[in-house]
């Protein structure tokens, strides 16, 4: 999901740089780094990257590490033309050489996956709905949710991550029957107690 979005960011940034436009990359990278990657993806991938509870296979954990590494390197390279000193210092401290000797790779076609890209917005909306509910209920973000959360069907492939990320005891996909609380009017997220 995040690598599909990263490909989109790379394309948009490279196209703008080719036109000598720094405004588009600056805003695209800011939005991606803060509002997608940091706010949502990092929160979701923590449990898989650390794997403290043993919920994930070694392959899944290594996939999380690869993705974090890939995003960091790519974002630094894309920022280097507009933030040369900061990115060079970070790059040198991590990799020992200048970032300005590195090439920005073209988007990796292996990660062009519309299905995953289409999950991103519902995933972020689901997170916002859960965080808003916990805030209104006076729960800290790492407190478990009592009851069953119903999420949109499109998020089914992320079931393990959603449960771990939000401390959801039970999650189902679709719309519940009977009494339920709507957590978000714009997204079908429901709570059954």
C-alpha atoms as a PDB file:
ATOM      1  CA  UNK A   1       0.000   0.000   0.000  1.00  0.00           C
ATOM      2  CA  UNK A   2       2.649   2.531   1.017  1.00  0.00           C
ATOM      3  CA  UNK A   3       5.013   1.467  -1.773  1.00  0.00           C
ATOM      4  CA  UNK A   4       2.252   1.983  -4.346  1.00  0.00           C
ATOM      5  CA  UNK A   5       1.752   5.491  -2.968  1.00  0.00           C
ATOM      6  CA  UNK A   6       5.525   6.041  -2.957  1.00  0.00           C
ATOM      7  CA  UNK A   7       5.628   5.231  -6.677  1.00  0.00           C
ATOM      8  CA  UNK A   8       2.980   7.912  -7.249  1.00  0.00           C
ATOM      9  CA  UNK A   9       5.019  10.419  -5.218  1.00  0.00           C
ATOM     10  CA  UNK A  10       8.188   9.589  -7.169  1.00  0.00           C
ATOM     11  CA  UNK A  11       6.412  10.078 -10.505  1.00  0.00           C
ATOM     12  CA  UNK A  12       4.867  13.397  -9.466  1.00  0.00           C
ATOM     13  CA  UNK A  13       8.154  14.690  -8.035  1.00  0.00           C
ATOM     14  CA  UNK A  14      10.307  13.649 -10.986  1.00  0.00           C
ATOM     15  CA  UNK A  15       7.842  15.113 -13.477  1.00  0.00           C
ATOM     16  CA  UNK A  16       7.895  18.411 -11.594  1.00  0.00           C
ATOM     17  CA  UNK A  17      11.689  18.458 -11.276  1.00  0.00           C
ATOM     18  CA  UNK A  18      11.957  17.875 -15.022  1.00  0.00           C
ATOM     19  CA  UNK A  19       9.928  21.072 -15.454  1.00  0.00           C
ATOM     20  CA  UNK A  20      12.156  22.919 -12.918  1.00  0.00           C
ATOM     21  CA  UNK A  21       9.203  23.074 -10.538  1.00  0.00           C
ATOM     22  CA  UNK A  22      10.099  22.674  -6.863  1.00  0.00           C
ATOM     23  CA  UNK A  23       6.683  23.620  -5.501  1.00  0.00           C
ATOM     24  CA  UNK A  24       5.014  20.316  -6.430  1.00  0.00           C
ATOM     25  CA  UNK A  25       7.731  18.064  -4.959  1.00  0.00           C
ATOM     26  CA  UNK A  26       7.945  20.137  -1.777  1.00  0.00           C
ATOM     27  CA  UNK A  27       4.212  19.879  -1.146  1.00  0.00           C
ATOM     28  CA  UNK A  28       3.843  16.305  -2.382  1.00  0.00           C
ATOM     29  CA  UNK A  29       6.702  15.089  -0.208  1.00  0.00           C
ATOM     30  CA  UNK A  30       5.486  17.034   2.818  1.00  0.00           C
ATOM     31  CA  UNK A  31       2.003  15.585   2.502  1.00  0.00           C
ATOM     32  CA  UNK A  32       3.302  12.060   1.948  1.00  0.00           C
ATOM     33  CA  UNK A  33       5.931  12.139   4.719  1.00  0.00           C
ATOM     34  CA  UNK A  34       3.741  13.694   7.405  1.00  0.00           C
ATOM     35  CA  UNK A  35       0.126  12.897   6.606  1.00  0.00           C
ATOM     36  CA  UNK A  36       0.448   9.433   5.077  1.00  0.00           C
ATOM     37  CA  UNK A  37       3.721   7.852   6.144  1.00  0.00           C
ATOM     38  CA  UNK A  38       4.200   9.256   9.664  1.00  0.00           C
ATOM     39  CA  UNK A  39       0.566   9.582  10.721  1.00  0.00           C
ATOM     40  CA  UNK A  40      -0.707   6.280   9.383  1.00  0.00           C
ATOM     41  CA  UNK A  41       1.853   3.882   7.966  1.00  0.00           C
ATOM     42  CA  UNK A  42       4.383   4.130  10.793  1.00  0.00           C
ATOM     43  CA  UNK A  43       1.634   3.547  13.332  1.00  0.00           C
ATOM     44  CA  UNK A  44       0.395   0.506  11.427  1.00  0.00           C
ATOM     45  CA  UNK A  45       3.788  -1.065  10.744  1.00  0.00           C
ATOM     46  CA  UNK A  46       5.235  -0.732  14.256  1.00  0.00           C
ATOM     47  CA  UNK A  47       3.729  -3.970  15.509  1.00  0.00           C
ATOM     48  CA  UNK A  48       4.975  -5.878  12.452  1.00  0.00           C
ATOM     49  CA  UNK A  49       8.459  -4.325  12.473  1.00  0.00           C
ATOM     50  CA  UNK A  50       9.025  -5.049  16.173  1.00  0.00           C
ATOM     51  CA  UNK A  51       6.934  -8.251  16.229  1.00  0.00           C
ATOM     52  CA  UNK A  52       7.059  -8.367  20.043  1.00  0.00           C
ATOM     53  CA  UNK A  53       3.922 -10.511  20.270  1.00  0.00           C
ATOM     54  CA  UNK A  54       4.999 -12.925  17.533  1.00  0.00           C
ATOM     55  CA  UNK A  55       1.884 -12.215  15.469  1.00  0.00           C
ATOM     56  CA  UNK A  56       3.854 -11.954  12.225  1.00  0.00           C
ATOM     57  CA  UNK A  57       6.165 -14.298  10.371  1.00  0.00           C
ATOM     58  CA  UNK A  58       9.828 -13.474   9.911  1.00  0.00           C
ATOM     59  CA  UNK A  59       9.089 -12.776   6.252  1.00  0.00           C
ATOM     60  CA  UNK A  60       6.367 -10.258   7.179  1.00  0.00           C
ATOM     61  CA  UNK A  61       8.687  -8.578   9.661  1.00  0.00           C
ATOM     62  CA  UNK A  62      11.491  -8.346   7.087  1.00  0.00           C
ATOM     63  CA  UNK A  63       8.960  -6.931   4.614  1.00  0.00           C
ATOM     64  CA  UNK A  64       8.224  -4.147   7.107  1.00  0.00           C
ATOM     65  CA  UNK A  65      11.933  -3.417   7.491  1.00  0.00           C
ATOM     66  CA  UNK A  66      12.430  -3.360   3.717  1.00  0.00           C
ATOM     67  CA  UNK A  67       9.523  -0.965   3.252  1.00  0.00           C
ATOM     68  CA  UNK A  68      10.694   1.430   5.963  1.00  0.00           C
ATOM     69  CA  UNK A  69      14.200   1.415   4.484  1.00  0.00           C
ATOM     70  CA  UNK A  70      12.926   1.922   0.919  1.00  0.00           C
ATOM     71  CA  UNK A  71      10.675   4.848   1.871  1.00  0.00           C
ATOM     72  CA  UNK A  72      13.385   6.590   3.899  1.00  0.00           C
ATOM     73  CA  UNK A  73      16.003   6.337   1.148  1.00  0.00           C
ATOM     74  CA  UNK A  74      13.582   7.424  -1.572  1.00  0.00           C
ATOM     75  CA  UNK A  75      12.177  10.396   0.343  1.00  0.00           C
ATOM     76  CA  UNK A  76      15.669  11.615   1.221  1.00  0.00           C
ATOM     77  CA  UNK A  77      16.747  11.406  -2.424  1.00  0.00           C
ATOM     78  CA  UNK A  78      13.616  13.236  -3.588  1.00  0.00           C
ATOM     79  CA  UNK A  79      14.131  15.973  -0.995  1.00  0.00           C
ATOM     80  CA  UNK A  80      17.835  16.436  -1.758  1.00  0.00           C
ATOM     81  CA  UNK A  81      17.363  18.962  -4.603  1.00  0.00           C
ATOM     82  CA  UNK A  82      15.282  21.269  -2.386  1.00  0.00           C
ATOM     83  CA  UNK A  83      16.861  20.500   1.020  1.00  0.00           C
ATOM     84  CA  UNK A  84      20.483  19.792   0.059  1.00  0.00           C
ATOM     85  CA  UNK A  85      22.228  20.336   3.382  1.00  0.00           C
ATOM     86  CA  UNK A  86      19.782  18.591   5.701  1.00  0.00           C
ATOM     87  CA  UNK A  87      19.369  15.559   3.467  1.00  0.00           C
ATOM     88  CA  UNK A  88      23.123  15.288   2.901  1.00  0.00           C
ATOM     89  CA  UNK A  89      23.804  15.347   6.639  1.00  0.00           C
ATOM     90  CA  UNK A  90      21.202  12.656   7.316  1.00  0.00           C
ATOM     91  CA  UNK A  91      22.438  10.548   4.398  1.00  0.00           C
ATOM     92  CA  UNK A  92      26.090  10.841   5.458  1.00  0.00           C
ATOM     93  CA  UNK A  93      25.263   9.851   9.033  1.00  0.00           C
ATOM     94  CA  UNK A  94      23.381   6.771   7.776  1.00  0.00           C
ATOM     95  CA  UNK A  95      25.372   5.707   4.722  1.00  0.00           C
ATOM     96  CA  UNK A  96      28.734   7.511   4.941  1.00  0.00           C
ATOM     97  CA  UNK A  97      28.735   9.252   1.571  1.00  0.00           C
ATOM     98  CA  UNK A  98      27.076  12.253  -0.033  1.00  0.00           C
ATOM     99  CA  UNK A  99      23.462  11.991  -1.094  1.00  0.00           C
ATOM    100  CA  UNK A 100      24.334  14.179  -4.072  1.00  0.00           C
ATOM    101  CA  UNK A 101      26.196  11.263  -5.650  1.00  0.00           C
ATOM    102  CA  UNK A 102      23.030   9.150  -5.614  1.00  0.00           C
ATOM    103  CA  UNK A 103      20.543   8.720  -8.410  1.00  0.00           C
ATOM    104  CA  UNK A 104      16.817   8.974  -7.844  1.00  0.00           C
ATOM    105  CA  UNK A 105      15.442   5.689  -9.118  1.00  0.00           C
ATOM    106  CA  UNK A 106      12.392   5.558 -11.335  1.00  0.00           C
ATOM    107  CA  UNK A 107       9.241   4.118  -9.749  1.00  0.00           C
ATOM    108  CA  UNK A 108       9.462   0.364  -9.242  1.00  0.00           C
ATOM    109  CA  UNK A 109       6.759  -1.285 -11.404  1.00  0.00           C
ATOM    110  CA  UNK A 110       6.535  -4.185  -8.910  1.00  0.00           C
ATOM    111  CA  UNK A 111       4.753  -1.818  -6.545  1.00  0.00           C
ATOM    112  CA  UNK A 112       2.228  -0.400  -9.017  1.00  0.00           C
ATOM    113  CA  UNK A 113      -0.825  -2.007  -7.503  1.00  0.00           C
ATOM    114  CA  UNK A 114      -4.142  -0.156  -7.834  1.00  0.00           C
ATOM    115  CA  UNK A 115      -5.840  -2.471  -5.336  1.00  0.00           C
ATOM    116  CA  UNK A 116      -3.369  -1.498  -2.611  1.00  0.00           C
ATOM    117  CA  UNK A 117      -3.437   2.143  -3.612  1.00  0.00           C
ATOM    118  CA  UNK A 118      -7.249   2.106  -3.378  1.00  0.00           C
ATOM    119  CA  UNK A 119      -6.970   0.816   0.215  1.00  0.00           C
ATOM    120  CA  UNK A 120      -4.963   3.811   1.379  1.00  0.00           C
ATOM    121  CA  UNK A 121      -7.761   6.364   1.779  1.00  0.00           C
ATOM    122  CA  UNK A 122     -10.203   3.969   3.539  1.00  0.00           C
ATOM    123  CA  UNK A 123      -7.303   2.852   5.773  1.00  0.00           C
ATOM    124  CA  UNK A 124      -6.567   6.433   6.809  1.00  0.00           C
ATOM    125  CA  UNK A 125     -10.269   7.197   7.313  1.00  0.00           C
ATOM    126  CA  UNK A 126     -10.633   4.053   9.440  1.00  0.00           C
ATOM    127  CA  UNK A 127      -7.686   5.158  11.598  1.00  0.00           C
ATOM    128  CA  UNK A 128      -9.199   8.611  12.064  1.00  0.00           C
ATOM    129  CA  UNK A 129     -12.553   7.083  13.049  1.00  0.00           C
ATOM    130  CA  UNK A 130     -10.929   4.836  15.668  1.00  0.00           C
ATOM    131  CA  UNK A 131      -8.736   7.633  17.046  1.00  0.00           C
ATOM    132  CA  UNK A 132     -11.723   9.984  17.247  1.00  0.00           C
ATOM    133  CA  UNK A 133     -13.814   7.323  19.009  1.00  0.00           C
ATOM    134  CA  UNK A 134     -11.058   6.613  21.545  1.00  0.00           C
ATOM    135  CA  UNK A 135     -10.593  10.324  22.191  1.00  0.00           C
ATOM    136  CA  UNK A 136     -14.328  10.866  22.779  1.00  0.00           C
ATOM    137  CA  UNK A 137     -14.519   7.745  24.963  1.00  0.00           C
ATOM    138  CA  UNK A 138     -11.581   8.934  27.072  1.00  0.00           C
ATOM    139  CA  UNK A 139      -9.422   5.988  26.045  1.00  0.00           C
ATOM    140  CA  UNK A 140      -5.715   6.252  25.394  1.00  0.00           C
ATOM    141  CA  UNK A 141      -4.623   5.105  21.947  1.00  0.00           C
ATOM    142  CA  UNK A 142      -3.069   1.932  23.348  1.00  0.00           C
ATOM    143  CA  UNK A 143      -6.132   0.874  25.353  1.00  0.00           C
ATOM    144  CA  UNK A 144      -8.180  -1.972  23.869  1.00  0.00           C
ATOM    145  CA  UNK A 145     -11.626  -1.421  22.409  1.00  0.00           C
ATOM    146  CA  UNK A 146     -14.344  -3.519  24.007  1.00  0.00           C
ATOM    147  CA  UNK A 147     -16.849  -4.867  21.527  1.00  0.00           C
ATOM    148  CA  UNK A 148     -16.667  -5.735  17.862  1.00  0.00           C
ATOM    149  CA  UNK A 149     -15.464  -3.231  15.279  1.00  0.00           C
ATOM    150  CA  UNK A 150     -16.924  -3.549  11.799  1.00  0.00           C
ATOM    151  CA  UNK A 151     -14.684  -2.162   9.083  1.00  0.00           C
ATOM    152  CA  UNK A 152     -15.072  -1.715   5.321  1.00  0.00           C
ATOM    153  CA  UNK A 153     -14.518  -4.894   3.299  1.00  0.00           C
ATOM    154  CA  UNK A 154     -11.667  -3.291   1.356  1.00  0.00           C
ATOM    155  CA  UNK A 155      -9.543  -3.376   4.543  1.00  0.00           C
ATOM    156  CA  UNK A 156      -9.801  -7.137   5.088  1.00  0.00           C
ATOM    157  CA  UNK A 157      -6.187  -7.763   3.927  1.00  0.00           C
ATOM    158  CA  UNK A 158      -5.046  -5.465   6.767  1.00  0.00           C
ATOM    159  CA  UNK A 159      -6.928  -7.287   9.518  1.00  0.00           C
ATOM    160  CA  UNK A 160      -3.901  -8.279  11.621  1.00  0.00           C
ATOM    161  CA  UNK A 161      -2.335  -4.820  11.368  1.00  0.00           C
ATOM    162  CA  UNK A 162      -5.592  -3.052  12.272  1.00  0.00           C
ATOM    163  CA  UNK A 163      -6.138  -5.269  15.308  1.00  0.00           C
ATOM    164  CA  UNK A 164      -2.581  -4.764  16.536  1.00  0.00           C
ATOM    165  CA  UNK A 165      -2.446  -1.052  15.750  1.00  0.00           C
ATOM    166  CA  UNK A 166      -5.701  -0.109  17.462  1.00  0.00           C
ATOM    167  CA  UNK A 167      -5.831  -2.842  20.130  1.00  0.00           C
ATOM    168  CA  UNK A 168      -9.073  -4.158  18.663  1.00  0.00           C
ATOM    169  CA  UNK A 169     -10.088  -7.453  20.268  1.00  0.00           C
ATOM    170  CA  UNK A 170     -12.436  -8.447  17.468  1.00  0.00           C
ATOM    171  CA  UNK A 171     -12.820  -7.025  13.996  1.00  0.00           C
ATOM    172  CA  UNK A 172     -15.287  -7.990  11.295  1.00  0.00           C
ATOM    173  CA  UNK A 173     -15.820  -6.620   7.826  1.00  0.00           C
ATOM    174  CA  UNK A 174     -19.062  -5.332   6.384  1.00  0.00           C
ATOM    175  CA  UNK A 175     -22.111  -3.889   8.132  1.00  0.00           C
ATOM    176  CA  UNK A 176     -23.471  -5.360  11.379  1.00  0.00           C
ATOM    177  CA  UNK A 177     -27.046  -6.425  11.936  1.00  0.00           C
ATOM    178  CA  UNK A 178     -28.904  -5.154  14.994  1.00  0.00           C
ATOM    179  CA  UNK A 179     -27.788  -2.454  17.420  1.00  0.00           C
ATOM    180  CA  UNK A 180     -24.554  -0.701  16.624  1.00  0.00           C
ATOM    181  CA  UNK A 181     -22.830   2.627  17.004  1.00  0.00           C
ATOM    182  CA  UNK A 182     -21.651   4.458  13.901  1.00  0.00           C
ATOM    183  CA  UNK A 183     -18.100   5.662  14.531  1.00  0.00           C
ATOM    184  CA  UNK A 184     -17.822   7.683  11.335  1.00  0.00           C
ATOM    185  CA  UNK A 185     -20.631   8.921   9.091  1.00  0.00           C
ATOM    186  CA  UNK A 186     -18.411   9.166   6.007  1.00  0.00           C
ATOM    187  CA  UNK A 187     -16.962   5.661   6.308  1.00  0.00           C
ATOM    188  CA  UNK A 188     -18.745   2.449   7.277  1.00  0.00           C
ATOM    189  CA  UNK A 189     -17.040   1.896  10.659  1.00  0.00           C
ATOM    190  CA  UNK A 190     -19.305   0.490  13.358  1.00  0.00           C
ATOM    191  CA  UNK A 191     -18.992  -0.617  16.994  1.00  0.00           C
ATOM    192  CA  UNK A 192     -21.150  -3.373  18.475  1.00  0.00           C
ATOM    193  CA  UNK A 193     -20.936  -3.663  22.268  1.00  0.00           C
END
